[in-house]
């Protein structure tokens, strides 16, 4: 799947490293990416190869390192410095280790490596990968555009990008677009004259800059990361429609005596189902919830000076037993209704 995505990119014309000397390969690959330690786990290294295409500030890298042997790769600093890597296996398999967590990757999955997150990996003898390098400043700029904040926080993406997830579904079209722009840009180097080529290259540079920003924005919006809650605040929990309907009905009839069976019937529910919904959503059974609303309404009327008398106000809001009302009011608010009213009768 991933190999076919980049099948039309002329990697062969941009080969930087092509050697059977493992030490040479390690040194030169370290200069392109980051210095690292390499250990042969099993087998014998036959060949290493690296091809790099610049895509504006981004880079597309196709790499086969240590072909013929299972290898273990451990960055000297333990992490990346100043850039992110989207790792797209095209053959074989690898296991990326992050502390106690490990991720198996193959041509059916991808990995995002974030700067500051320590890792190492082991790869099979036939492992090949395409890497998309994205600079930190692109993620920072995309964050500022999305949030209008002056400073961008450190962003650490969730490592695994599995098929059928939102991150994968959003990333694949972006990778197709990057591949298309790369092919178009490098083809234009040979297809135009000097003057026309300069104009086209300026257009291509602008297109790649926008592509880089679109890719960074796509990752921020669709791939989970440590600051995602600031971009997608958790919505307030929704109240089921049947509970809202029951609440509206009880508030409209606050001054009346309402059996719970009548409320349940109005909502088309059994009494038991309505009580369970209210307990889950409100923490109270329906009539206890209504009682709390009645007490709040009475308190508001007393504080606003809208009550001609305490007893009349209590009756107006559905309390028919004044002794019960007095006890409930004091328990709810820690003072008597008279004290709330300011000493009036």
Protein backbone atom coordinates (compact mmCIF):
# COMPACT_ATOMS: atom_id res chain seq x y z
CA UNK A 1 0.00 0.00 0.00
CA UNK A 2 2.61 2.54 1.06
CA UNK A 3 5.11 1.47 -1.60
CA UNK A 4 2.61 2.13 -4.39
CA UNK A 5 1.94 5.59 -2.95
CA UNK A 6 5.48 6.66 -3.85
CA UNK A 7 6.00 4.45 -6.89
CA UNK A 8 6.23 7.37 -9.34
CA UNK A 9 8.79 9.39 -7.38
CA UNK A 10 12.21 9.32 -9.10
CA UNK A 11 14.15 8.29 -6.01
CA UNK A 12 16.86 6.61 -8.12
CA UNK A 13 17.93 9.96 -9.53
CA UNK A 14 18.58 11.34 -6.03
CA UNK A 15 20.76 8.66 -4.48
CA UNK A 16 23.14 9.98 -1.83
CA UNK A 17 24.39 6.74 -0.31
CA UNK A 18 24.98 3.44 -2.07
CA UNK A 19 27.54 1.26 -0.32
CA UNK A 20 28.28 -2.16 1.13
CA UNK A 21 30.54 -0.56 3.76
CA UNK A 22 28.48 -0.51 6.96
CA UNK A 23 30.68 2.05 8.76
CA UNK A 24 30.53 4.43 5.81
CA UNK A 25 26.76 4.04 5.60
CA UNK A 26 26.33 4.66 9.33
CA UNK A 27 28.47 7.82 9.22
CA UNK A 28 26.77 9.31 6.17
CA UNK A 29 23.22 8.42 7.22
CA UNK A 30 23.97 9.96 10.61
CA UNK A 31 24.90 13.20 8.84
CA UNK A 32 21.58 13.23 6.97
CA UNK A 33 19.42 12.39 9.99
CA UNK A 34 20.99 12.10 13.45
CA UNK A 35 24.05 10.20 14.69
CA UNK A 36 23.24 6.73 15.99
CA UNK A 37 24.61 3.42 17.15
CA UNK A 38 24.01 0.29 15.08
CA UNK A 39 24.23 -3.32 16.15
CA UNK A 40 23.91 -6.35 13.89
CA UNK A 41 21.54 -8.75 15.63
CA UNK A 42 21.58 -11.57 13.10
CA UNK A 43 22.98 -12.13 9.62
CA UNK A 44 25.45 -10.12 7.57
CA UNK A 45 24.95 -6.64 6.11
CA UNK A 46 25.14 -6.74 2.32
CA UNK A 47 24.19 -3.25 1.28
CA UNK A 48 22.88 0.16 2.42
CA UNK A 49 21.18 2.80 0.32
CA UNK A 50 19.67 6.23 0.89
CA UNK A 51 17.92 8.58 -1.54
CA UNK A 52 16.73 12.05 -0.63
CA UNK A 53 14.41 14.46 -2.39
CA UNK A 54 13.91 17.96 -1.04
CA UNK A 55 10.27 19.08 -0.97
CA UNK A 56 10.70 22.68 0.05
CA UNK A 57 11.56 22.59 3.75
CA UNK A 58 10.40 18.97 3.92
CA UNK A 59 12.42 15.97 2.82
CA UNK A 60 11.38 12.61 1.40
CA UNK A 61 13.93 9.88 2.13
CA UNK A 62 13.91 6.30 0.87
CA UNK A 63 16.28 4.13 2.84
CA UNK A 64 17.42 0.53 3.00
CA UNK A 65 19.97 0.26 5.79
CA UNK A 66 21.75 -2.94 6.72
CA UNK A 67 20.07 -5.03 4.04
CA UNK A 68 20.76 -8.71 4.66
CA UNK A 69 20.87 -8.52 8.47
CA UNK A 70 18.54 -7.88 11.36
CA UNK A 71 19.79 -4.67 12.96
CA UNK A 72 19.18 -2.52 16.04
CA UNK A 73 19.40 1.27 15.72
CA UNK A 74 19.71 3.60 18.72
CA UNK A 75 20.12 7.40 18.24
CA UNK A 76 23.06 8.78 20.21
CA UNK A 77 20.85 11.41 21.85
CA UNK A 78 18.00 8.93 22.21
CA UNK A 79 15.69 11.21 20.26
CA UNK A 80 15.30 13.49 17.24
CA UNK A 81 16.51 17.07 17.35
CA UNK A 82 14.41 19.81 15.76
CA UNK A 83 12.28 17.71 13.44
CA UNK A 84 9.56 15.06 13.23
CA UNK A 85 9.76 11.89 11.15
CA UNK A 86 6.81 10.11 9.61
CA UNK A 87 8.05 6.54 9.15
CA UNK A 88 6.38 4.64 6.30
CA UNK A 89 7.62 1.04 5.95
CA UNK A 90 7.47 -0.32 2.41
CA UNK A 91 8.99 -3.77 3.01
CA UNK A 92 9.80 -6.02 5.93
CA UNK A 93 8.99 -5.04 9.48
CA UNK A 94 10.45 -3.24 12.47
CA UNK A 95 9.76 -2.82 16.17
CA UNK A 96 10.03 0.67 17.66
CA UNK A 97 10.63 0.82 21.39
CA UNK A 98 9.56 3.80 23.53
CA UNK A 99 10.35 3.10 27.18
CA UNK A 100 8.08 0.22 28.17
CA UNK A 101 5.94 0.54 25.03
CA UNK A 102 6.72 -1.09 21.69
CA UNK A 103 5.10 -0.81 18.26
CA UNK A 104 5.34 -3.31 15.42
CA UNK A 105 5.35 -1.57 12.06
CA UNK A 106 4.92 -2.96 8.56
CA UNK A 107 3.73 -1.66 5.17
CA UNK A 108 0.22 -1.62 6.65
CA UNK A 109 0.98 0.93 9.37
CA UNK A 110 3.06 4.00 10.12
CA UNK A 111 4.87 5.66 13.00
CA UNK A 112 5.40 9.31 13.90
CA UNK A 113 8.61 10.08 15.78
CA UNK A 114 8.51 13.30 17.80
CA UNK A 115 11.56 15.25 19.01
CA UNK A 116 12.25 14.77 22.68
CA UNK A 117 10.67 11.30 22.77
CA UNK A 118 13.34 8.64 23.33
CA UNK A 119 13.25 5.59 21.09
CA UNK A 120 15.24 2.88 19.37
CA UNK A 121 14.20 0.23 16.89
CA UNK A 122 15.09 -3.15 15.50
CA UNK A 123 14.51 -4.00 11.83
CA UNK A 124 14.29 -7.18 9.79
CA UNK A 125 16.90 -8.01 7.15
CA UNK A 126 14.58 -6.94 4.30
CA UNK A 127 13.31 -3.75 5.96
CA UNK A 128 12.89 -0.69 3.73
CA UNK A 129 11.22 2.57 4.63
CA UNK A 130 10.28 5.99 3.35
CA UNK A 131 10.73 8.85 5.78
CA UNK A 132 9.03 12.21 5.58
CA UNK A 133 10.95 14.80 7.55
CA UNK A 134 8.93 17.72 8.89
CA UNK A 135 10.66 20.54 10.73
CA UNK A 136 9.47 21.62 14.19
CA UNK A 137 8.96 25.17 12.98
CA UNK A 138 6.22 23.95 10.61
CA UNK A 139 4.28 22.37 13.47
CA UNK A 140 4.85 25.52 15.56
CA UNK A 141 3.56 27.80 12.79
CA UNK A 142 0.52 25.60 12.16
CA UNK A 143 -0.26 25.71 15.89
CA UNK A 144 -0.06 29.50 15.94
CA UNK A 145 -2.36 29.75 12.94
CA UNK A 146 -4.91 27.41 14.51
CA UNK A 147 -4.90 28.99 17.95
CA UNK A 148 -3.79 32.62 17.38
CA UNK A 149 -1.32 32.07 20.21
CA UNK A 150 2.05 33.83 20.06
CA UNK A 151 3.99 30.86 21.43
CA UNK A 152 3.64 27.24 20.37
CA UNK A 153 3.95 24.52 23.03
CA UNK A 154 5.99 21.37 22.61
CA UNK A 155 3.90 18.89 20.60
CA UNK A 156 4.42 15.16 21.04
CA UNK A 157 2.28 13.06 18.72
CA UNK A 158 0.89 9.65 19.53
CA UNK A 159 3.39 7.29 17.94
CA UNK A 160 1.30 4.73 16.11
CA UNK A 161 -0.80 5.57 13.06
CA UNK A 162 -3.04 2.58 12.47
CA UNK A 163 -5.27 1.99 9.42
CA UNK A 164 -8.91 2.99 9.86
CA UNK A 165 -8.05 5.63 12.45
CA UNK A 166 -8.80 9.32 11.87
CA UNK A 167 -5.08 10.05 11.75
CA UNK A 168 -4.47 7.47 9.01
CA UNK A 169 -7.50 8.55 6.97
CA UNK A 170 -6.38 12.18 7.09
CA UNK A 171 -2.68 11.45 6.52
CA UNK A 172 -2.97 9.27 3.40
CA UNK A 173 -4.41 11.99 1.09
CA UNK A 174 -1.76 14.39 2.36
CA UNK A 175 1.02 11.93 1.54
CA UNK A 176 -0.47 11.45 -1.93
CA UNK A 177 -0.38 15.20 -2.40
CA UNK A 178 3.21 15.45 -1.18
CA UNK A 179 4.18 12.70 -3.62
CA UNK A 180 2.39 14.47 -6.47
CA UNK A 181 4.02 17.81 -5.69
CA UNK A 182 7.43 16.15 -5.47
CA UNK A 183 7.09 14.45 -8.86
CA UNK A 184 5.77 17.65 -10.45
CA UNK A 185 8.50 19.81 -8.97
CA UNK A 186 11.43 17.63 -10.00
CA UNK A 187 9.99 16.99 -13.45
CA UNK A 188 9.82 20.74 -14.04
CA UNK A 189 13.59 21.05 -13.50
CA UNK A 190 14.08 19.30 -16.84
CA UNK A 191 11.01 20.45 -18.76
CA UNK A 192 11.37 24.24 -18.87
CA UNK A 193 13.85 26.77 -20.18
CA UNK A 194 15.77 29.04 -17.85
CA UNK A 195 13.31 31.97 -17.57
CA UNK A 196 10.16 29.88 -17.63
CA UNK A 197 11.76 27.42 -15.24
CA UNK A 198 12.46 30.17 -12.70
CA UNK A 199 8.81 31.21 -12.68
CA UNK A 200 7.69 27.62 -12.35
CA UNK A 201 10.16 26.94 -9.56
CA UNK A 202 8.89 29.99 -7.63
CA UNK A 203 5.36 28.70 -8.00
CA UNK A 204 6.47 25.23 -6.92
CA UNK A 205 8.29 26.63 -3.89
CA UNK A 206 5.13 28.43 -2.78
CA UNK A 207 3.06 25.28 -3.36
CA UNK A 208 5.43 23.15 -1.29
CA UNK A 209 5.39 25.70 1.54
CA UNK A 210 1.59 25.56 1.62
CA UNK A 211 1.72 21.76 1.41
CA UNK A 212 4.07 21.67 4.41
CA UNK A 213 1.66 23.87 6.38
CA UNK A 214 -1.32 21.75 5.34
CA UNK A 215 0.46 18.56 6.42
CA UNK A 216 1.37 20.09 9.81
CA UNK A 217 -2.21 21.28 10.29
CA UNK A 218 -3.58 17.86 9.34
CA UNK A 219 -1.41 16.17 11.94
CA UNK A 220 -2.41 18.65 14.65
CA UNK A 221 -6.11 18.22 13.94
CA UNK A 222 -6.29 14.48 13.30
CA UNK A 223 -3.39 12.67 14.98
CA UNK A 224 -3.67 12.49 18.79
CA UNK A 225 -1.03 14.49 20.67
CA UNK A 226 -0.33 15.92 24.11
CA UNK A 227 -1.98 19.31 23.39
CA UNK A 228 -5.01 18.08 21.43
CA UNK A 229 -7.45 19.12 24.17
CA UNK A 230 -6.63 22.76 23.48
CA UNK A 231 -7.65 22.34 19.85
CA UNK A 232 -10.62 20.06 20.46
CA UNK A 233 -12.06 20.96 23.90
CA UNK A 234 -14.23 18.20 25.26
CA UNK A 235 -17.87 19.14 24.63
CA UNK A 236 -20.17 19.52 27.60
CA UNK A 237 -21.84 16.21 28.23
CA UNK A 238 -25.20 16.12 26.48
CA UNK A 239 -28.31 15.41 28.50
CA UNK A 240 -30.60 12.78 26.96
CA UNK A 241 -33.66 14.29 25.29
CA UNK A 242 -36.01 12.34 27.58
CA UNK A 243 -34.38 13.88 30.67
CA UNK A 244 -34.60 17.39 29.19
CA UNK A 245 -38.24 16.78 28.36
CA UNK A 246 -38.96 15.63 31.92
CA UNK A 247 -37.15 18.63 33.38
CA UNK A 248 -39.06 21.06 31.17
CA UNK A 249 -42.38 19.44 32.09
CA UNK A 250 -41.66 19.62 35.83
CA UNK A 251 -40.49 23.24 35.69
CA UNK A 252 -43.62 24.22 33.74
CA UNK A 253 -45.72 22.66 36.52
CA UNK A 254 -43.53 23.62 39.46
CA UNK A 255 -46.44 24.85 41.58
CA UNK A 256 -48.49 21.70 41.13
CA UNK A 257 -48.37 18.32 42.80
CA UNK A 258 -46.85 16.06 40.17
CA UNK A 259 -46.63 12.29 40.71
CA UNK A 260 -43.52 10.75 39.18
CA UNK A 261 -45.75 8.44 37.16
CA UNK A 262 -47.24 11.46 35.39
CA UNK A 263 -43.78 12.74 34.47
CA UNK A 264 -42.78 9.29 33.19
CA UNK A 265 -45.96 9.00 31.15
CA UNK A 266 -45.38 12.43 29.61
CA UNK A 267 -41.93 11.25 28.46
CA UNK A 268 -43.12 7.84 27.25
CA UNK A 269 -40.97 6.02 29.80
CA UNK A 270 -41.51 3.66 32.66
CA UNK A 271 -41.05 5.12 36.15
CA UNK A 272 -38.04 2.88 36.72
CA UNK A 273 -36.37 3.96 33.47
CA UNK A 274 -36.97 7.66 34.20
CA UNK A 275 -35.55 7.33 37.71
CA UNK A 276 -32.47 5.53 36.37
CA UNK A 277 -31.88 8.25 33.76
CA UNK A 278 -32.19 11.02 36.36
CA UNK A 279 -29.86 9.26 38.76
CA UNK A 280 -27.25 8.88 36.00
CA UNK A 281 -27.53 12.43 34.63
CA UNK A 282 -28.53 14.52 37.66
CA UNK A 283 -27.49 12.43 40.64
CA UNK A 284 -31.04 12.64 42.04
CA UNK A 285 -34.40 10.96 41.41
CA UNK A 286 -36.87 13.15 39.44
CA UNK A 287 -38.94 14.46 42.35
CA UNK A 288 -35.88 15.23 44.46
CA UNK A 289 -34.49 17.16 41.51
CA UNK A 290 -37.79 19.07 41.26
CA UNK A 291 -37.70 19.81 44.98
CA UNK A 292 -34.22 21.30 44.64
CA UNK A 293 -35.44 23.53 41.77
CA UNK A 294 -38.40 24.67 43.89
CA UNK A 295 -36.14 25.61 46.78
CA UNK A 296 -33.83 27.57 44.45
CA UNK A 297 -36.82 29.42 42.95
CA UNK A 298 -38.10 30.37 46.40
CA UNK A 299 -34.66 31.55 47.50
CA UNK A 300 -34.34 33.71 44.38
CA UNK A 301 -37.77 35.27 45.02
CA UNK A 302 -36.87 36.04 48.64
CA UNK A 303 -33.50 37.57 47.74
CA UNK A 304 -35.07 39.67 44.98
CA UNK A 305 -37.80 41.02 47.24
CA UNK A 306 -40.51 39.47 45.08
CA UNK A 307 -42.20 37.55 47.91
CA UNK A 308 -45.11 39.14 49.78
CA UNK A 309 -44.82 36.43 52.43
CA UNK A 310 -42.71 33.35 52.93
CA UNK A 311 -45.69 31.01 53.31
CA UNK A 312 -47.40 32.31 50.16
CA UNK A 313 -44.17 31.95 48.18
CA UNK A 314 -43.65 28.40 49.42
CA UNK A 315 -47.20 27.46 48.44
CA UNK A 316 -46.80 29.13 45.03
CA UNK A 317 -43.82 26.90 44.26
CA UNK A 318 -45.46 23.65 45.32
CA UNK A 319 -44.75 23.22 49.06
CA UNK A 320 -48.05 22.41 50.76
CA UNK A 321 -46.57 21.52 54.14
CA UNK A 322 -44.85 24.57 55.61
CA UNK A 323 -43.02 22.67 58.35
CA UNK A 324 -41.50 20.34 55.75
CA UNK A 325 -40.57 23.38 53.64
CA UNK A 326 -38.81 25.10 56.55
CA UNK A 327 -36.72 22.03 57.33
CA UNK A 328 -35.82 21.45 53.69
CA UNK A 329 -34.88 25.11 53.15
CA UNK A 330 -32.59 25.26 56.17
CA UNK A 331 -30.94 21.97 55.22
CA UNK A 332 -30.34 23.18 51.65
CA UNK A 333 -29.00 26.67 52.42
CA UNK A 334 -27.84 26.64 56.03
CA UNK A 335 -30.24 29.40 57.07
CA UNK A 336 -33.98 29.96 57.44
CA UNK A 337 -36.14 31.57 54.80
CA UNK A 338 -36.65 34.48 57.20
CA UNK A 339 -32.92 35.05 57.41
CA UNK A 340 -32.68 34.99 53.62
CA UNK A 341 -35.42 37.55 53.36
CA UNK A 342 -33.65 39.81 55.82
CA UNK A 343 -35.92 39.46 58.84
CA UNK A 344 -39.27 40.00 57.12
CA UNK A 345 -42.38 37.95 57.78
